[in-house]
Protein backbone atom coordinates (compact mmCIF):
# COMPACT_ATOMS: atom_id res chain seq x y z
CA UNK A 1 58.91 54.11 54.84
CA UNK A 2 59.41 52.18 58.00
CA UNK A 3 57.05 51.36 61.13
CA UNK A 4 59.30 53.44 63.27
CA UNK A 5 58.07 56.91 60.89
CA UNK A 6 53.87 56.02 60.86
CA UNK A 7 53.92 58.74 63.39
CA UNK A 8 55.20 61.33 60.94
CA UNK A 9 52.66 59.99 58.10
CA UNK A 10 50.20 60.08 60.75
CA UNK A 11 50.70 63.98 61.13
CA UNK A 12 51.19 64.56 56.84
CA UNK A 13 47.91 62.89 56.82
CA UNK A 14 46.29 65.56 58.91
CA UNK A 15 47.80 68.31 56.95
CA UNK A 16 46.84 66.53 53.33
CA UNK A 17 43.09 66.20 54.71
CA UNK A 18 43.05 70.18 55.87
CA UNK A 19 44.62 71.19 52.96
CA UNK A 20 44.24 68.62 49.73
CA UNK A 21 41.09 66.11 51.01
CA UNK A 22 40.37 65.43 47.24
CA UNK A 23 43.65 63.56 46.98
CA UNK A 24 44.14 60.31 47.81
CA UNK A 25 47.10 59.77 50.71
CA UNK A 26 48.91 56.20 50.46
CA UNK A 27 51.77 54.98 52.33
CA UNK A 28 53.86 51.62 51.43
CA UNK A 29 55.29 50.14 55.05
CA UNK A 30 58.82 48.43 54.95
CA UNK A 31 57.82 46.17 57.95
CA UNK A 32 54.62 45.78 57.44
CA UNK A 33 52.56 44.06 60.21
CA UNK A 34 49.05 43.05 59.11
CA UNK A 35 48.08 42.58 63.03
CA UNK A 36 49.26 46.56 63.73
CA UNK A 37 45.85 48.51 64.87
CA UNK A 38 47.63 51.84 64.08
CA UNK A 39 46.93 50.80 60.65
CA UNK A 40 43.31 50.01 61.05
CA UNK A 41 42.58 53.57 62.30
CA UNK A 42 44.89 55.48 60.01
CA UNK A 43 42.53 56.93 57.81
CA UNK A 44 44.21 56.47 54.83
CA UNK A 45 45.95 53.76 52.78
CA UNK A 46 48.63 51.35 53.98
CA UNK A 47 50.41 48.85 51.81
CA UNK A 48 52.82 46.36 52.58
CA UNK A 49 55.86 47.40 50.51
CA UNK A 50 56.20 43.81 49.59
CA UNK A 51 53.90 44.26 46.34
CA UNK A 52 56.66 46.41 45.31
CA UNK A 53 59.17 43.84 44.54
CA UNK A 54 57.57 40.61 45.44
CA UNK A 55 59.84 38.28 43.43
CA UNK A 56 63.26 39.84 44.65
CA UNK A 57 61.98 40.46 48.54
CA UNK A 58 63.95 38.99 50.34
CA UNK A 59 67.22 39.56 48.28
CA UNK A 60 66.28 43.07 47.97
CA UNK A 61 65.75 43.60 52.25
CA UNK A 62 68.58 41.45 52.94
CA UNK A 63 71.10 44.01 51.42
CA UNK A 64 69.40 46.89 52.85
CA UNK A 65 69.28 48.92 55.93
CA UNK A 66 65.29 49.92 56.74
CA UNK A 67 65.83 53.35 55.45
CA UNK A 68 67.98 52.65 52.32
CA UNK A 69 65.23 50.25 51.49
CA UNK A 70 62.76 52.64 51.81
CA UNK A 71 64.54 54.46 49.94
CA UNK A 72 65.36 52.68 47.26
CA UNK A 73 61.59 51.79 46.78
CA UNK A 74 60.63 55.12 45.79
CA UNK A 75 60.80 55.04 42.12
CA UNK A 76 58.74 51.46 42.18
CA UNK A 77 55.80 53.06 44.42
CA UNK A 78 55.70 55.96 41.70
CA UNK A 79 55.47 53.33 39.06
CA UNK A 80 53.06 51.25 40.90
CA UNK A 81 50.66 54.34 41.64
CA UNK A 82 50.64 55.53 38.18
CA UNK A 83 49.08 52.40 37.24
CA UNK A 84 46.35 53.83 38.31
CA UNK A 85 46.61 57.69 38.82
CA UNK A 86 47.26 60.17 35.77
CA UNK A 87 49.31 62.38 38.32
CA UNK A 88 50.87 61.54 41.68
CA UNK A 89 52.95 63.55 44.17
CA UNK A 90 55.69 61.73 46.80
CA UNK A 91 55.97 63.58 49.95
CA UNK A 92 58.45 62.47 52.80
CA UNK A 93 56.33 61.95 55.95
CA UNK A 94 58.49 64.64 57.34
CA UNK A 95 56.88 67.20 55.72
CA UNK A 96 53.70 68.85 56.25
CA UNK A 97 51.23 71.03 53.97
CA UNK A 98 50.66 74.64 55.11
CA UNK A 99 48.47 75.12 51.67
CA UNK A 100 47.12 73.54 48.48
CA UNK A 101 49.83 71.97 46.26
CA UNK A 102 47.89 73.78 42.97
CA UNK A 103 51.45 74.69 41.65
CA UNK A 104 52.66 71.16 41.95
CA UNK A 105 49.93 69.73 40.22
CA UNK A 106 49.46 72.27 37.42
CA UNK A 107 53.25 71.58 36.83
CA UNK A 108 52.79 67.96 35.61
CA UNK A 109 49.70 68.61 33.19
CA UNK A 110 52.36 69.85 30.97
CA UNK A 111 55.82 68.07 32.63
CA UNK A 112 56.65 64.49 33.46
CA UNK A 113 58.35 64.92 36.40
CA UNK A 114 58.58 67.85 39.18
CA UNK A 115 61.82 68.36 41.15
CA UNK A 116 61.95 70.65 43.92
CA UNK A 117 65.85 72.20 44.22
CA UNK A 118 67.86 71.98 47.55
CA UNK A 119 68.17 76.03 46.86
CA UNK A 120 67.80 78.37 44.23
CA UNK A 121 70.58 81.16 45.16
CA UNK A 122 73.97 80.02 46.38
CA UNK A 123 74.23 79.73 50.38
CA UNK A 124 76.35 82.40 51.68
CA UNK A 125 79.96 81.51 52.69
CA UNK A 126 79.41 81.36 56.66
CA UNK A 127 81.28 78.39 57.89
CA UNK A 128 78.18 76.92 58.45
CA UNK A 129 76.15 73.97 58.19
CA UNK A 130 74.55 73.09 56.11
CA UNK A 131 77.27 74.50 53.44
CA UNK A 132 76.68 74.67 50.27
CA UNK A 133 79.43 71.67 50.28
CA UNK A 134 77.41 69.19 51.77
CA UNK A 135 74.59 70.52 50.38
CA UNK A 136 76.53 70.09 46.78
CA UNK A 137 77.26 66.16 47.60
CA UNK A 138 73.87 65.47 48.54
CA UNK A 139 72.72 66.37 44.92
CA UNK A 140 71.38 68.77 42.86
CA UNK A 141 67.50 67.97 44.13
CA UNK A 142 65.63 66.94 47.13
CA UNK A 143 63.88 63.87 46.97
CA UNK A 144 61.43 64.70 49.75
CA UNK A 145 59.53 65.85 46.79
CA UNK A 146 58.53 64.60 43.94
CA UNK A 147 56.02 65.05 41.16
CA UNK A 148 55.43 62.43 38.31
CA UNK A 149 53.02 61.70 35.38
CA UNK A 150 53.00 58.60 33.19
CA UNK A 151 55.52 60.59 30.97
CA UNK A 152 58.03 59.88 33.75
CA UNK A 153 57.92 56.21 33.44
CA UNK A 154 61.24 55.56 31.33
CA UNK A 155 63.06 58.15 33.85
CA UNK A 156 61.35 56.13 37.01
CA UNK A 157 62.05 52.49 35.63
CA UNK A 158 65.88 53.49 34.98
CA UNK A 159 65.62 55.37 38.76
CA UNK A 160 64.76 51.44 39.93
CA UNK A 161 67.60 49.95 37.95
CA UNK A 162 69.77 52.14 39.70
CA UNK A 163 68.16 52.32 43.77
CA UNK A 164 67.44 48.49 43.62
CA UNK A 165 70.98 47.37 44.47
CA UNK A 166 72.98 51.13 44.68
CA UNK A 167 70.91 52.66 47.53
CA UNK A 168 73.41 53.63 49.65
CA UNK A 169 75.06 56.58 51.92
CA UNK A 170 78.36 57.47 50.46
CA UNK A 171 77.93 61.11 51.03
CA UNK A 172 81.51 61.88 51.05
CA UNK A 173 81.66 60.70 47.17
CA UNK A 174 78.46 62.35 46.09
CA UNK A 175 76.12 59.15 46.56
CA UNK A 176 73.08 60.11 49.06
CA UNK A 177 70.84 57.40 48.63
CA UNK A 178 67.95 57.50 45.93
CA UNK A 179 68.43 61.45 45.67
CA UNK A 180 71.92 61.23 43.49
CA UNK A 181 70.13 59.89 40.71
CA UNK A 182 67.93 62.68 40.51
CA UNK A 183 70.74 64.91 39.45
CA UNK A 184 70.54 62.61 35.60
CA UNK A 185 66.92 63.89 35.31
CA UNK A 186 68.51 67.28 34.06
CA UNK A 187 69.68 65.08 30.75
CA UNK A 188 67.16 62.15 31.36
CA UNK A 189 63.87 63.81 31.28
CA UNK A 190 62.76 65.69 28.17
CA UNK A 191 60.22 67.70 30.00
CA UNK A 192 61.56 68.43 33.58
CA UNK A 193 60.08 70.80 35.66
CA UNK A 194 62.19 72.47 38.38
CA UNK A 195 59.95 74.01 41.10
CA UNK A 196 60.96 77.71 41.51
CA UNK A 197 57.89 78.24 43.88
CA UNK A 198 59.89 79.26 46.72
CA UNK A 199 57.06 77.97 49.24
CA UNK A 200 57.47 74.57 48.64
CA UNK A 201 59.75 72.31 50.00
CA UNK A 202 61.15 74.71 52.82
CA UNK A 203 63.93 73.67 54.85
CA UNK A 204 66.85 74.28 56.76
CA UNK A 205 68.85 73.88 53.91
CA UNK A 206 67.15 76.67 51.73
CA UNK A 207 66.15 79.12 54.53
CA UNK A 208 68.93 81.67 53.46
CA UNK A 209 66.66 82.83 50.50
CA UNK A 210 63.20 82.28 52.12
CA UNK A 211 61.99 84.73 54.43
CA UNK A 212 59.80 82.75 57.02
CA UNK A 213 57.38 85.15 59.06
CA UNK A 214 53.86 84.51 60.85
CA UNK A 215 50.95 86.80 60.13
CA UNK A 216 48.19 85.90 62.65
CA UNK A 217 48.08 82.11 61.96
CA UNK A 218 49.36 81.70 59.16
CA UNK A 219 53.71 81.30 57.23
CA UNK A 220 54.28 83.31 55.02
CA UNK A 221 58.09 82.86 53.13
CA UNK A 222 58.69 85.70 51.04
CA UNK A 223 55.39 87.18 51.79
CA UNK A 224 53.69 84.40 49.74
CA UNK A 225 51.57 81.99 51.69
CA UNK A 226 53.61 78.90 52.81
CA UNK A 227 52.61 75.42 50.52
CA UNK A 228 54.75 72.95 52.36
CA UNK A 229 57.73 72.76 55.11
CA UNK A 230 60.74 70.04 55.40
CA UNK A 231 61.13 68.53 58.89
CA UNK A 232 64.18 67.02 57.80
CA UNK A 233 66.62 66.31 61.03
CA UNK A 234 64.18 67.94 63.20
CA UNK A 235 63.43 66.46 67.08
CA UNK A 236 61.03 67.36 69.52
CA UNK A 237 62.61 69.20 72.38
CA UNK A 238 65.12 70.81 69.80
CA UNK A 239 64.12 74.41 68.51
CA UNK A 240 66.66 74.30 65.25
CA UNK A 241 67.18 71.38 62.62
CA UNK A 242 70.21 68.69 63.61
CA UNK A 243 70.96 69.74 60.08
CA UNK A 244 71.95 73.22 60.68
CA UNK A 245 73.62 75.59 63.16
CA UNK A 246 72.63 78.48 61.97
CA UNK A 247 69.66 79.26 64.37
CA UNK A 248 68.64 82.40 62.23
CA UNK A 249 65.40 82.39 62.54
CA UNK A 250 63.28 81.09 65.42
CA UNK A 251 60.27 80.73 63.64
CA UNK A 252 62.13 77.50 62.02
CA UNK A 253 61.55 76.30 65.56
CA UNK A 254 58.28 77.60 66.53
CA UNK A 255 56.55 76.33 63.17
CA UNK A 256 57.82 72.69 64.27
CA UNK A 257 55.78 73.37 67.81
CA UNK A 258 52.91 74.56 66.22
CA UNK A 259 51.99 71.16 64.79
């Protein structure tokens, strides 16, 4: 991530403290400033993203916009962490936990890679955004959630080979940063786990199949406790994600302001 998103990382950290207190939370920052006081009081590990590609760092960051660089480094970050940990789950900083990720960790006991599809049922034809065509161009899987065990190392190395030079946004051609390459996991990863638990990675692109409701102080998806919500495209002052115009469920806005 870049420094601009550090406040999001703080929000994600608070939810991790509540639901995954036994898990380490590590953030890699593009544009790291060792004098930044926020790092010192963060309560979690903040590392300079340069450690992920130190020998080629100047060339690497020169070719990319900061967002592109952050996305490109995702497979390298997973590889780096798998040197120490047997299982790692990557989360975008604009995600929040609302429950323990038991299913995610359990999946990695047998799987090498765990991914969440954008949706598991077809998006209705409504002429609204994000349409089935937009989601199709964005890729089969959402890169905001990636679970990896050490068996995924060959795939992660291949993924890094792609993103080191070709992590760009050409959505009209079906290339969406690092996310595009996850399509190949279907054939390149023998033990691929596709997350079928609809309480994971709930977002604007899949709420047609996920009925969100609030009972007292808890949120539920299709009558099951919500695990994690992805606030992609959400901004303070807006009830709806900038990625969608369905305006179907006010709870999608309410959950944002509840944080």
